[in-house]
Protein backbone atom coordinates (compact mmCIF):
# COMPACT_ATOMS: atom_id res chain seq x y z
CA UNK A 1 1.11 64.71 56.31
CA UNK A 2 0.89 62.31 53.33
CA UNK A 3 -1.10 58.99 54.13
CA UNK A 4 0.27 57.04 51.03
CA UNK A 5 1.58 53.70 51.92
CA UNK A 6 5.55 53.27 52.17
CA UNK A 7 7.03 51.96 48.45
CA UNK A 8 7.89 48.36 48.17
CA UNK A 9 11.00 47.24 46.13
CA UNK A 10 11.03 44.20 44.13
CA UNK A 11 13.93 43.07 45.96
CA UNK A 12 12.01 43.38 49.53
CA UNK A 13 9.79 40.16 48.29
CA UNK A 14 6.79 42.49 47.78
CA UNK A 15 4.70 42.34 44.45
CA UNK A 16 6.30 43.54 41.36
CA UNK A 17 5.53 47.25 40.35
CA UNK A 18 2.74 47.55 38.11
CA UNK A 19 2.52 50.38 35.67
CA UNK A 20 1.18 51.25 32.21
CA UNK A 21 1.68 48.18 30.10
CA UNK A 22 1.95 45.60 32.70
CA UNK A 23 -0.73 43.08 33.41
CA UNK A 24 -1.76 41.75 36.77
CA UNK A 25 -1.82 38.05 36.50
CA UNK A 26 -4.49 35.93 38.31
CA UNK A 27 -3.34 34.42 41.63
CA UNK A 28 -3.26 31.03 40.35
CA UNK A 29 -0.79 32.02 37.46
CA UNK A 30 1.54 33.84 39.70
CA UNK A 31 3.55 30.86 41.19
CA UNK A 32 4.06 29.27 37.54
CA UNK A 33 4.96 32.74 36.07
CA UNK A 34 7.85 33.16 38.83
CA UNK A 35 9.06 29.79 38.58
CA UNK A 36 9.29 30.72 34.56
CA UNK A 37 11.20 33.57 35.36
CA UNK A 38 13.60 31.75 37.65
CA UNK A 39 14.43 29.21 34.97
CA UNK A 40 15.28 31.94 32.32
CA UNK A 41 16.77 34.31 34.71
CA UNK A 42 20.43 33.69 33.76
CA UNK A 43 22.06 33.01 30.29
CA UNK A 44 23.53 30.10 31.77
CA UNK A 45 19.94 28.59 32.37
CA UNK A 46 18.71 29.79 29.07
CA UNK A 47 21.33 27.80 27.14
CA UNK A 48 21.05 24.79 29.10
CA UNK A 49 17.49 24.68 28.39
CA UNK A 50 17.79 25.44 24.81
CA UNK A 51 20.23 22.51 24.41
CA UNK A 52 18.06 20.47 26.11
CA UNK A 53 15.13 21.05 23.94
CA UNK A 54 17.41 20.52 20.83
CA UNK A 55 18.62 17.25 21.97
CA UNK A 56 14.73 16.04 23.04
CA UNK A 57 13.83 17.24 19.53
CA UNK A 58 16.56 15.30 17.70
CA UNK A 59 16.25 12.10 19.64
CA UNK A 60 12.35 12.50 19.26
CA UNK A 61 12.80 12.87 15.45
CA UNK A 62 15.44 10.00 15.45
CA UNK A 63 12.91 7.77 17.38
CA UNK A 64 9.99 8.55 14.83
CA UNK A 65 12.21 7.73 11.90
CA UNK A 66 13.21 4.61 13.18
CA UNK A 67 9.59 3.81 14.25
CA UNK A 68 8.85 4.27 10.46
CA UNK A 69 11.68 2.79 8.83
CA UNK A 70 12.58 -0.25 10.65
CA UNK A 71 9.23 -2.11 10.23
CA UNK A 72 9.59 -1.66 6.36
CA UNK A 73 13.17 -2.91 6.56
CA UNK A 74 12.30 -6.05 8.61
CA UNK A 75 8.80 -6.75 6.93
CA UNK A 76 9.14 -10.36 5.76
CA UNK A 77 5.56 -10.62 4.56
CA UNK A 78 5.28 -11.60 0.66
CA UNK A 79 2.91 -9.32 -1.29
CA UNK A 80 -0.43 -11.01 -2.01
CA UNK A 81 -0.11 -13.17 -5.34
CA UNK A 82 -1.86 -12.15 -8.50
CA UNK A 83 -5.09 -13.68 -9.44
CA UNK A 84 -3.09 -14.77 -12.67
CA UNK A 85 -0.43 -16.85 -10.60
CA UNK A 86 -2.11 -20.22 -10.02
CA UNK A 87 -1.90 -23.86 -10.51
CA UNK A 88 -5.58 -25.27 -10.81
CA UNK A 89 -7.58 -28.34 -12.41
CA UNK A 90 -10.72 -27.49 -14.33
CA UNK A 91 -13.65 -29.64 -15.68
CA UNK A 92 -15.60 -28.55 -18.58
CA UNK A 93 -18.80 -30.01 -19.48
CA UNK A 94 -19.57 -30.70 -23.11
CA UNK A 95 -19.82 -27.67 -25.31
CA UNK A 96 -19.11 -25.42 -22.26
CA UNK A 97 -16.43 -23.13 -21.48
CA UNK A 98 -14.61 -22.14 -18.19
CA UNK A 99 -12.24 -18.92 -17.90
CA UNK A 100 -9.95 -16.99 -15.43
CA UNK A 101 -9.79 -13.19 -15.54
CA UNK A 102 -7.45 -10.76 -14.16
CA UNK A 103 -5.80 -7.33 -14.57
CA UNK A 104 -2.66 -7.07 -16.85
CA UNK A 105 -0.43 -4.16 -16.77
CA UNK A 106 0.71 -3.21 -20.38
CA UNK A 107 4.08 -4.96 -21.33
CA UNK A 108 3.55 -7.50 -18.45
CA UNK A 109 3.61 -11.51 -19.35
CA UNK A 110 1.46 -14.29 -18.39
CA UNK A 111 3.09 -17.53 -18.89
CA UNK A 112 2.34 -21.05 -18.28
CA UNK A 113 0.83 -24.33 -19.90
CA UNK A 114 -2.43 -26.35 -19.65
CA UNK A 115 -3.06 -29.79 -20.64
CA UNK A 116 -6.04 -32.24 -20.75
CA UNK A 117 -5.85 -34.84 -18.27
CA UNK A 118 -9.18 -36.55 -18.97
CA UNK A 119 -9.80 -37.87 -21.66
CA UNK A 120 -6.08 -38.29 -22.48
CA UNK A 121 -5.65 -36.15 -25.69
CA UNK A 122 -8.88 -34.44 -25.68
CA UNK A 123 -8.99 -31.20 -27.39
CA UNK A 124 -9.77 -27.72 -25.99
CA UNK A 125 -10.01 -24.60 -27.48
CA UNK A 126 -8.16 -21.71 -25.89
CA UNK A 127 -8.26 -18.06 -26.55
CA UNK A 128 -7.79 -14.63 -24.50
CA UNK A 129 -10.28 -12.03 -24.74
CA UNK A 130 -10.96 -8.41 -23.57
CA UNK A 131 -14.11 -7.39 -21.71
CA UNK A 132 -16.88 -6.63 -23.69
CA UNK A 133 -20.73 -7.44 -24.43
CA UNK A 134 -22.07 -11.18 -25.28
CA UNK A 135 -20.67 -14.49 -24.26
CA UNK A 136 -17.12 -15.82 -24.63
CA UNK A 137 -18.13 -17.73 -27.72
CA UNK A 138 -19.64 -14.58 -29.45
CA UNK A 139 -16.54 -12.54 -28.68
CA UNK A 140 -14.08 -15.23 -29.71
CA UNK A 141 -13.52 -13.46 -33.04
CA UNK A 142 -11.97 -10.45 -31.17
CA UNK A 143 -9.64 -12.51 -29.16
CA UNK A 144 -6.35 -10.98 -28.65
CA UNK A 145 -4.58 -14.17 -28.35
CA UNK A 146 -5.91 -17.77 -29.68
CA UNK A 147 -4.35 -21.10 -30.25
CA UNK A 148 -4.55 -21.98 -34.15
CA UNK A 149 -6.56 -25.01 -33.71
CA UNK A 150 -7.82 -27.05 -30.56
CA UNK A 151 -5.01 -28.70 -28.85
CA UNK A 152 -4.83 -31.22 -25.84
CA UNK A 153 -1.80 -29.23 -24.29
CA UNK A 154 0.24 -26.07 -25.03
CA UNK A 155 2.63 -23.68 -23.58
CA UNK A 156 1.11 -19.88 -23.27
CA UNK A 157 2.96 -16.83 -23.36
CA UNK A 158 0.96 -13.70 -23.44
CA UNK A 159 2.32 -10.40 -23.42
CA UNK A 160 -0.45 -7.47 -22.84
CA UNK A 161 -0.20 -4.69 -25.38
CA UNK A 162 -1.73 -2.33 -22.77
CA UNK A 163 -3.19 -2.34 -19.16
CA UNK A 164 -6.81 -4.07 -19.02
CA UNK A 165 -8.72 -6.95 -17.73
CA UNK A 166 -8.10 -10.08 -19.79
CA UNK A 167 -10.11 -13.24 -20.12
CA UNK A 168 -8.31 -16.51 -20.20
CA UNK A 169 -11.06 -18.94 -21.80
CA UNK A 170 -11.01 -22.75 -22.45
CA UNK A 171 -13.76 -24.35 -24.40
CA UNK A 172 -14.67 -27.96 -24.89
CA UNK A 173 -15.67 -28.63 -28.51
CA UNK A 174 -16.62 -32.17 -27.73
CA UNK A 175 -19.68 -34.05 -26.55
CA UNK A 176 -17.69 -35.56 -23.43
CA UNK A 177 -16.71 -34.08 -20.13
CA UNK A 178 -12.89 -32.85 -20.23
CA UNK A 179 -10.56 -32.12 -17.35
CA UNK A 180 -7.70 -29.75 -17.82
CA UNK A 181 -4.98 -28.84 -15.39
CA UNK A 182 -3.73 -25.05 -15.76
CA UNK A 183 -0.57 -23.64 -14.53
CA UNK A 184 0.25 -19.73 -15.12
CA UNK A 185 2.45 -17.34 -13.50
CA UNK A 186 2.27 -13.51 -14.01
CA UNK A 187 5.48 -11.63 -14.77
CA UNK A 188 6.04 -7.92 -14.20
CA UNK A 189 7.93 -6.13 -16.67
CA UNK A 190 8.26 -3.38 -13.64
CA UNK A 191 11.84 -3.58 -11.95
CA UNK A 192 11.77 -4.93 -8.34
CA UNK A 193 11.15 -2.51 -5.73
């Protein structure tokens, strides 16, 4: 007499047959694995889940792109103004200087004007220099832009030959305090974005 247990069939609800190449899952994973097999049991179910995953991915990507692009399109914040776009009054002590410095890209223009407000008609020396050693007055001979003589008012249009830091210097050559009003605008040569 053979004492082996009776065979069980998969359709009878018993455990699936184990043989060479099959791995017995832990008890906690058997129920999720059976659910997974049920979802993929028929071609119709597989096709439904594939189409659903495609739709979710497409809608998700469209949502992601929208989240990235819409804020850029609706952003109304203005870019930070350039340090060389300003209107300001300066007071210069006798035989002293004051200056404004900033980065200017090659072929960009700094345009504007200045005028002496107190004393009316008082002269100032204006020049533009590059960074270097020494004081502003010592570097005056290497100026990249200078008015031919002291002036009480003058328009200024400076086009940078190359990108560098430029210092715009006003010097008071008299023995009395001078007040000037300066208005400059930085004009980029790059096309608008």
